[in-house]
PDB file of N, CA and C in Angstrom:
ATOM      1  N   MET A   1      -1.178  -9.604   7.635  1.00  0.00           N
ATOM      2  CA  MET A   1      -0.597  -9.599   6.035  1.00  0.00           C
ATOM      3  C   MET A   1       0.656  -9.060   6.123  1.00  0.00           C
ATOM      4  N   PHE A   2       1.370  -9.832   5.235  1.00  0.00           N
ATOM      5  CA  PHE A   2       2.784  -9.691   4.708  1.00  0.00           C
ATOM      6  C   PHE A   2       2.957  -8.883   3.348  1.00  0.00           C
ATOM      7  N   LEU A   3       3.932  -7.817   3.242  1.00  0.00           N
ATOM      8  CA  LEU A   3       4.182  -7.414   2.107  1.00  0.00           C
ATOM      9  C   LEU A   3       5.587  -7.275   2.072  1.00  0.00           C
ATOM     10  N   LYS A   4       6.256  -6.921   0.866  1.00  0.00           N
ATOM     11  CA  LYS A   4       7.616  -7.019   0.756  1.00  0.00           C
ATOM     12  C   LYS A   4       8.002  -5.401   0.314  1.00  0.00           C
ATOM     13  N   GLN A   5       9.055  -5.201   1.132  1.00  0.00           N
ATOM     14  CA  GLN A   5       9.853  -3.935   0.676  1.00  0.00           C
ATOM     15  C   GLN A   5      10.462  -3.920  -0.484  1.00  0.00           C
ATOM     16  N   SER A   6      10.242  -3.107  -1.388  1.00  0.00           N
ATOM     17  CA  SER A   6      10.930  -3.373  -2.664  1.00  0.00           C
ATOM     18  C   SER A   6      12.260  -2.944  -2.716  1.00  0.00           C
ATOM     19  N   SER A   7      12.741  -1.876  -1.871  1.00  0.00           N
ATOM     20  CA  SER A   7      14.030  -1.561  -2.123  1.00  0.00           C
ATOM     21  C   SER A   7      15.045  -2.360  -1.075  1.00  0.00           C
ATOM     22  N   SER A   8      14.557  -3.200  -0.293  1.00  0.00           N
ATOM     23  CA  SER A   8      15.300  -3.892   0.423  1.00  0.00           C
ATOM     24  C   SER A   8      15.027  -5.582   0.361  1.00  0.00           C
ATOM     25  N   GLY A   9      13.867  -5.743  -0.343  1.00  0.00           N
ATOM     26  CA  GLY A   9      13.543  -7.288  -0.175  1.00  0.00           C
ATOM     27  C   GLY A   9      12.782  -7.863   1.090  1.00  0.00           C
ATOM     28  N   LYS A  10      12.983  -7.229   2.002  1.00  0.00           N
ATOM     29  CA  LYS A  10      12.679  -7.653   3.439  1.00  0.00           C
ATOM     30  C   LYS A  10      11.076  -7.739   3.582  1.00  0.00           C
ATOM     31  N   LEU A  11      10.483  -8.751   4.319  1.00  0.00           N
ATOM     32  CA  LEU A  11       9.263  -8.955   4.685  1.00  0.00           C
ATOM     33  C   LEU A  11       8.812  -7.982   5.541  1.00  0.00           C
ATOM     34  N   VAL A  12       7.352  -7.422   5.400  1.00  0.00           N
ATOM     35  CA  VAL A  12       6.870  -6.354   6.203  1.00  0.00           C
ATOM     36  C   VAL A  12       5.687  -6.787   6.808  1.00  0.00           C
ATOM     37  N   GLU A  13       5.457  -7.068   8.047  1.00  0.00           N
ATOM     38  CA  GLU A  13       4.180  -7.224   8.560  1.00  0.00           C
ATOM     39  C   GLU A  13       3.232  -5.969   8.699  1.00  0.00           C
ATOM     40  N   VAL A  14       2.096  -6.014   8.035  1.00  0.00           N
ATOM     41  CA  VAL A  14       1.422  -4.504   8.157  1.00  0.00           C
ATOM     42  C   VAL A  14       0.381  -4.766   9.283  1.00  0.00           C
ATOM     43  N   LEU A  15       0.520  -3.900  10.174  1.00  0.00           N
ATOM     44  CA  LEU A  15      -0.066  -3.855  11.555  1.00  0.00           C
ATOM     45  C   LEU A  15      -1.541  -2.903  11.559  1.00  0.00           C
ATOM     46  N   SER A  16      -1.501  -2.053  10.287  1.00  0.00           N
ATOM     47  CA  SER A  16      -2.639  -1.067  10.186  1.00  0.00           C
ATOM     48  C   SER A  16      -3.335  -1.560   8.706  1.00  0.00           C
ATOM     49  N   GLN A  17      -4.089  -2.450   8.571  1.00  0.00           N
ATOM     50  CA  GLN A  17      -4.773  -2.373   7.297  1.00  0.00           C
ATOM     51  C   GLN A  17      -5.403  -1.370   6.814  1.00  0.00           C
ATOM     52  N   LYS A  18      -6.005  -0.790   7.888  1.00  0.00           N
ATOM     53  CA  LYS A  18      -6.914   0.273   7.499  1.00  0.00           C
ATOM     54  C   LYS A  18      -6.237   1.479   6.665  1.00  0.00           C
ATOM     55  N   ASP A  19      -4.868   1.581   6.996  1.00  0.00           N
ATOM     56  CA  ASP A  19      -4.055   2.638   6.413  1.00  0.00           C
ATOM     57  C   ASP A  19      -3.454   2.098   5.177  1.00  0.00           C
ATOM     58  N   LEU A  20      -3.525   0.834   4.858  1.00  0.00           N
ATOM     59  CA  LEU A  20      -2.988   0.181   3.672  1.00  0.00           C
ATOM     60  C   LEU A  20      -4.139   0.416   2.700  1.00  0.00           C
ATOM     61  N   PHE A  21      -5.458   0.219   2.889  1.00  0.00           N
ATOM     62  CA  PHE A  21      -6.541   0.277   2.106  1.00  0.00           C
ATOM     63  C   PHE A  21      -6.870   1.704   1.834  1.00  0.00           C
ATOM     64  N   ASN A  22      -6.806   2.561   2.525  1.00  0.00           N
ATOM     65  CA  ASN A  22      -6.858   4.000   2.445  1.00  0.00           C
ATOM     66  C   ASN A  22      -6.056   4.856   1.391  1.00  0.00           C
ATOM     67  N   PRO A  23      -6.199   5.339   0.246  1.00  0.00           N
ATOM     68  CA  PRO A  23      -5.416   5.861  -0.752  1.00  0.00           C
ATOM     69  C   PRO A  23      -4.968   7.328  -0.185  1.00  0.00           C
ATOM     70  N   MET A  24      -5.774   7.953   0.830  1.00  0.00           N
ATOM     71  CA  MET A  24      -5.107   9.149   1.408  1.00  0.00           C
ATOM     72  C   MET A  24      -4.136   8.966   2.396  1.00  0.00           C
ATOM     73  N   HIS A  25      -3.633   7.825   2.597  1.00  0.00           N
ATOM     74  CA  HIS A  25      -2.589   7.602   3.721  1.00  0.00           C
ATOM     75  C   HIS A  25      -1.285   6.938   2.951  1.00  0.00           C
ATOM     76  N   PRO A  26      -0.331   7.831   2.711  1.00  0.00           N
ATOM     77  CA  PRO A  26       0.851   7.384   1.826  1.00  0.00           C
ATOM     78  C   PRO A  26       1.695   6.143   2.828  1.00  0.00           C
ATOM     79  N   PHE A  27       1.561   6.134   4.129  1.00  0.00           N
ATOM     80  CA  PHE A  27       2.401   5.340   4.994  1.00  0.00           C
ATOM     81  C   PHE A  27       1.371   4.577   5.617  1.00  0.00           C
ATOM     82  N   ILE A  28       2.066   3.154   5.898  1.00  0.00           N
ATOM     83  CA  ILE A  28       1.306   2.433   6.730  1.00  0.00           C
ATOM     84  C   ILE A  28       2.284   2.058   7.979  1.00  0.00           C
ATOM     85  N   VAL A  29       1.727   1.618   9.056  1.00  0.00           N
ATOM     86  CA  VAL A  29       2.589   1.182  10.321  1.00  0.00           C
ATOM     87  C   VAL A  29       2.724  -0.521  10.066  1.00  0.00           C
ATOM     88  N   GLY A  30       3.907  -0.942  10.312  1.00  0.00           N
ATOM     89  CA  GLY A  30       4.469  -2.343  10.214  1.00  0.00           C
ATOM     90  C   GLY A  30       5.468  -2.310  10.783  1.00  0.00           C
ATOM     91  N   ARG A  31       6.094  -3.759  10.631  1.00  0.00           N
ATOM     92  CA  ARG A  31       7.295  -4.169  11.353  1.00  0.00           C
ATOM     93  C   ARG A  31       7.972  -5.335  10.193  1.00  0.00           C
ATOM     94  N   TYR A  32       9.198  -4.828  10.418  1.00  0.00           N
ATOM     95  CA  TYR A  32       9.873  -6.252   9.563  1.00  0.00           C
ATOM     96  C   TYR A  32       9.812  -7.563  10.306  1.00  0.00           C
ATOM     97  N   HIS A  33       9.544  -8.502   9.400  1.00  0.00           N
ATOM     98  CA  HIS A  33       9.520  -9.730   9.757  1.00  0.00           C
ATOM     99  C   HIS A  33      11.032 -10.458   9.662  1.00  0.00           C
ATOM    100  N   ALA A  34      11.788 -10.358  10.447  1.00  0.00           N
ATOM    101  CA  ALA A  34      13.031 -11.090  10.536  1.00  0.00           C
ATOM    102  C   ALA A  34      13.612 -11.444  11.779  1.00  0.00           C
ATOM    103  N   GLY A  35      14.542 -12.427  11.880  1.00  0.00           N
ATOM    104  CA  GLY A  35      14.912 -12.689  13.095  1.00  0.00           C
ATOM    105  C   GLY A  35      14.036 -13.353  14.099  1.00  0.00           C
ATOM    106  N   GLU A  36      14.227 -13.741  15.273  1.00  0.00           N
ATOM    107  CA  GLU A  36      13.348 -14.502  16.111  1.00  0.00           C
ATOM    108  C   GLU A  36      12.620 -13.475  17.094  1.00  0.00           C
ATOM    109  N   GLU A  37      13.270 -12.408  17.210  1.00  0.00           N
ATOM    110  CA  GLU A  37      12.545 -11.517  18.184  1.00  0.00           C
ATOM    111  C   GLU A  37      11.519 -10.440  17.189  1.00  0.00           C
ATOM    112  N   VAL A  38      10.571 -10.137  18.013  1.00  0.00           N
ATOM    113  CA  VAL A  38       9.533  -9.233  17.283  1.00  0.00           C
ATOM    114  C   VAL A  38      10.171  -7.906  16.820  1.00  0.00           C
ATOM    115  N   GLN A  39      10.104  -7.334  15.880  1.00  0.00           N
ATOM    116  CA  GLN A  39      10.808  -6.250  15.626  1.00  0.00           C
ATOM    117  C   GLN A  39       9.694  -4.909  15.974  1.00  0.00           C
ATOM    118  N   ASP A  40      10.379  -3.746  16.308  1.00  0.00           N
ATOM    119  CA  ASP A  40       9.395  -2.528  16.804  1.00  0.00           C
ATOM    120  C   ASP A  40       8.775  -1.834  15.625  1.00  0.00           C
ATOM    121  N   PRO A  41       7.568  -1.664  15.724  1.00  0.00           N
ATOM    122  CA  PRO A  41       6.567  -1.118  14.754  1.00  0.00           C
ATOM    123  C   PRO A  41       7.530   0.246  14.043  1.00  0.00           C
ATOM    124  N   GLU A  42       7.310   0.455  12.722  1.00  0.00           N
ATOM    125  CA  GLU A  42       8.045   1.484  11.893  1.00  0.00           C
ATOM    126  C   GLU A  42       6.820   2.101  10.999  1.00  0.00           C
ATOM    127  N   ARG A  43       7.056   3.102  10.524  1.00  0.00           N
ATOM    128  CA  ARG A  43       6.104   3.664   9.233  1.00  0.00           C
ATOM    129  C   ARG A  43       6.857   3.423   8.042  1.00  0.00           C
ATOM    130  N   PHE A  44       6.338   2.748   7.052  1.00  0.00           N
ATOM    131  CA  PHE A  44       6.626   2.525   5.654  1.00  0.00           C
ATOM    132  C   PHE A  44       5.876   2.990   4.655  1.00  0.00           C
ATOM    133  N   GLU A  45       6.377   3.755   3.511  1.00  0.00           N
ATOM    134  CA  GLU A  45       5.890   4.426   2.686  1.00  0.00           C
ATOM    135  C   GLU A  45       5.256   3.252   1.770  1.00  0.00           C
ATOM    136  N   LYS A  46       3.855   3.410   1.238  1.00  0.00           N
ATOM    137  CA  LYS A  46       3.457   2.718   0.400  1.00  0.00           C
ATOM    138  C   LYS A  46       3.960   2.434  -1.020  1.00  0.00           C
ATOM    139  N   CYS A  47       4.430   3.609  -1.377  1.00  0.00           N
ATOM    140  CA  CYS A  47       5.104   3.299  -2.786  1.00  0.00           C
ATOM    141  C   CYS A  47       6.348   2.318  -2.839  1.00  0.00           C
ATOM    142  N   ASP A  48       6.878   2.088  -1.614  1.00  0.00           N
ATOM    143  CA  ASP A  48       7.949   1.228  -1.655  1.00  0.00           C
ATOM    144  C   ASP A  48       7.641  -0.232  -1.250  1.00  0.00           C
ATOM    145  N   LEU A  49       6.240  -0.630  -1.341  1.00  0.00           N
ATOM    146  CA  LEU A  49       5.891  -1.794  -0.842  1.00  0.00           C
ATOM    147  C   LEU A  49       5.244  -2.582  -2.006  1.00  0.00           C
ATOM    148  N   VAL A  50       5.335  -3.875  -1.991  1.00  0.00           N
ATOM    149  CA  VAL A  50       4.732  -4.726  -3.044  1.00  0.00           C
ATOM    150  C   VAL A  50       4.198  -5.958  -2.647  1.00  0.00           C
ATOM    151  N   PHE A  51       3.529  -6.780  -3.045  1.00  0.00           N
ATOM    152  CA  PHE A  51       2.988  -8.087  -2.580  1.00  0.00           C
ATOM    153  C   PHE A  51       4.378  -8.738  -2.644  1.00  0.00           C
ATOM    154  N   VAL A  52       4.279 -10.020  -1.897  1.00  0.00           N
ATOM    155  CA  VAL A  52       5.378 -10.951  -1.829  1.00  0.00           C
ATOM    156  C   VAL A  52       5.896 -11.586  -3.163  1.00  0.00           C
ATOM    157  N   SER A  53       4.738 -11.572  -4.076  1.00  0.00           N
ATOM    158  CA  SER A  53       4.999 -12.140  -5.274  1.00  0.00           C
ATOM    159  C   SER A  53       5.360 -11.226  -6.277  1.00  0.00           C
ATOM    160  N   ASP A  54       5.801  -9.978  -5.787  1.00  0.00           N
ATOM    161  CA  ASP A  54       6.247  -8.763  -6.430  1.00  0.00           C
ATOM    162  C   ASP A  54       5.496  -8.126  -7.430  1.00  0.00           C
ATOM    163  N   GLU A  55       3.905  -8.312  -7.096  1.00  0.00           N
ATOM    164  CA  GLU A  55       3.109  -7.674  -7.696  1.00  0.00           C
ATOM    165  C   GLU A  55       2.833  -6.334  -7.105  1.00  0.00           C
ATOM    166  N   SER A  56       2.468  -5.378  -7.884  1.00  0.00           N
ATOM    167  CA  SER A  56       2.346  -3.881  -7.181  1.00  0.00           C
ATOM    168  C   SER A  56       1.010  -3.891  -6.519  1.00  0.00           C
ATOM    169  N   LEU A  57       0.865  -2.824  -5.473  1.00  0.00           N
ATOM    170  CA  LEU A  57      -0.174  -2.689  -4.547  1.00  0.00           C
ATOM    171  C   LEU A  57      -1.254  -2.357  -5.617  1.00  0.00           C
ATOM    172  N   PRO A  58      -2.643  -2.611  -5.442  1.00  0.00           N
ATOM    173  CA  PRO A  58      -3.708  -2.079  -6.346  1.00  0.00           C
ATOM    174  C   PRO A  58      -3.727  -0.612  -6.202  1.00  0.00           C
ATOM    175  N   ARG A  59      -3.657  -0.001  -7.362  1.00  0.00           N
ATOM    176  CA  ARG A  59      -3.832   1.453  -7.400  1.00  0.00           C
ATOM    177  C   ARG A  59      -4.936   2.191  -6.533  1.00  0.00           C
ATOM    178  N   CYS A  60      -6.043   1.490  -6.456  1.00  0.00           N
ATOM    179  CA  CYS A  60      -7.055   2.014  -5.431  1.00  0.00           C
ATOM    180  C   CYS A  60      -6.610   2.205  -3.990  1.00  0.00           C
ATOM    181  N   TRP A  61      -5.241   1.517  -3.765  1.00  0.00           N
ATOM    182  CA  TRP A  61      -4.835   1.873  -2.373  1.00  0.00           C
ATOM    183  C   TRP A  61      -3.824   2.853  -2.381  1.00  0.00           C
ATOM    184  N   THR A  62      -3.236   3.231  -3.547  1.00  0.00           N
ATOM    185  CA  THR A  62      -2.243   4.171  -3.431  1.00  0.00           C
ATOM    186  C   THR A  62      -2.345   5.475  -4.066  1.00  0.00           C
ATOM    187  N   ASP A  63      -3.315   5.532  -4.850  1.00  0.00           N
ATOM    188  CA  ASP A  63      -3.768   6.673  -5.753  1.00  0.00           C
ATOM    189  C   ASP A  63      -5.336   7.262  -5.529  1.00  0.00           C
ATOM    190  N   VAL A  64      -5.312   8.611  -4.745  1.00  0.00           N
ATOM    191  CA  VAL A  64      -6.598   8.846  -4.592  1.00  0.00           C
ATOM    192  C   VAL A  64      -7.489   9.545  -5.711  1.00  0.00           C
ATOM    193  N   HIS A  65      -6.612   9.491  -6.805  1.00  0.00           N
ATOM    194  CA  HIS A  65      -7.428   9.970  -8.130  1.00  0.00           C
ATOM    195  C   HIS A  65      -7.572   8.862  -9.267  1.00  0.00           C
ATOM    196  N   TYR A  66      -7.510   7.416  -8.438  1.00  0.00           N
ATOM    197  CA  TYR A  66      -7.476   6.483  -9.503  1.00  0.00           C
ATOM    198  C   TYR A  66      -8.756   6.359 -10.409  1.00  0.00           C
ATOM    199  N   ARG A  67     -10.009   6.845  -9.947  1.00  0.00           N
ATOM    200  CA  ARG A  67     -11.085   7.088 -10.640  1.00  0.00           C
ATOM    201  C   ARG A  67     -11.695   8.220 -11.238  1.00  0.00           C
ATOM    202  N   ASP A  68     -10.694   9.217 -11.442  1.00  0.00           N
ATOM    203  CA  ASP A  68     -11.217  10.453 -11.990  1.00  0.00           C
ATOM    204  C   ASP A  68     -11.335  10.333 -13.485  1.00  0.00           C
ATOM    205  N   ALA A  69     -10.794   9.711 -14.231  1.00  0.00           N
ATOM    206  CA  ALA A  69     -10.921   9.463 -15.765  1.00  0.00           C
ATOM    207  C   ALA A  69     -12.314   9.019 -15.885  1.00  0.00           C
ATOM    208  N   ALA A  70     -12.698   7.732 -15.143  1.00  0.00           N
ATOM    209  CA  ALA A  70     -13.860   7.132 -15.332  1.00  0.00           C
ATOM    210  C   ALA A  70     -15.121   8.015 -15.024  1.00  0.00           C
ATOM    211  N   VAL A  71     -14.843   8.794 -14.018  1.00  0.00           N
ATOM    212  CA  VAL A  71     -15.840   9.990 -13.408  1.00  0.00           C
ATOM    213  C   VAL A  71     -15.996  10.955 -14.591  1.00  0.00           C
ATOM    214  N   TYR A  72     -14.998  11.232 -15.082  1.00  0.00           N
ATOM    215  CA  TYR A  72     -15.062  12.601 -16.119  1.00  0.00           C
ATOM    216  C   TYR A  72     -15.842  11.880 -17.349  1.00  0.00           C
ATOM    217  N   ARG A  73     -15.350  10.792 -17.616  1.00  0.00           N
ATOM    218  CA  ARG A  73     -16.219  10.027 -18.965  1.00  0.00           C
ATOM    219  C   ARG A  73     -17.680   9.962 -18.629  1.00  0.00           C
ATOM    220  N   HIS A  74     -18.007   9.640 -17.523  1.00  0.00           N
ATOM    221  CA  HIS A  74     -19.492   9.530 -17.040  1.00  0.00           C
ATOM    222  C   HIS A  74     -20.069  10.787 -17.068  1.00  0.00           C
ATOM    223  N   ALA A  75     -19.689  11.944 -16.780  1.00  0.00           N
ATOM    224  CA  ALA A  75     -20.017  13.143 -16.721  1.00  0.00           C
ATOM    225  C   ALA A  75     -20.294  13.666 -17.993  1.00  0.00           C
ATOM    226  N   GLN A  76     -19.173  13.194 -18.821  1.00  0.00           N
ATOM    227  CA  GLN A  76     -19.586  13.787 -20.189  1.00  0.00           C
ATOM    228  C   GLN A  76     -20.391  13.180 -20.839  1.00  0.00           C
ATOM    229  N   LYS A  77     -20.639  11.784 -20.876  1.00  0.00           N
ATOM    230  CA  LYS A  77     -22.048  11.171 -21.368  1.00  0.00           C
ATOM    231  C   LYS A  77     -23.249  11.603 -20.771  1.00  0.00           C
ATOM    232  N   ALA A  78     -23.197  12.101 -19.547  1.00  0.00           N
ATOM    233  CA  ALA A  78     -24.588  12.378 -18.839  1.00  0.00           C
ATOM    234  C   ALA A  78     -25.013  14.032 -19.470  1.00  0.00           C
ATOM    235  N   SER A  79     -24.075  14.675 -19.806  1.00  0.00           N
ATOM    236  CA  SER A  79     -24.367  16.051 -20.153  1.00  0.00           C
ATOM    237  C   SER A  79     -24.715  16.001 -21.745  1.00  0.00           C
TER     238      SER A  79
END
């Protein structure tokens, strides 16, 4: 999977999709996709990555509290 680093505009090949999908992990392991040689793996902050189309990553991949409001509303209705 490829994402784009928003600060530089460079393509990043995601090497650890498990980290990408886990909101508890603020970093992913990836490497720049540039030139003819394979680049060394690096850590990238998820907050600096977007899809190639410039669309933001889903909130459920970046925010561990993305469902707090829905859970709170459900708990209020149940009581």
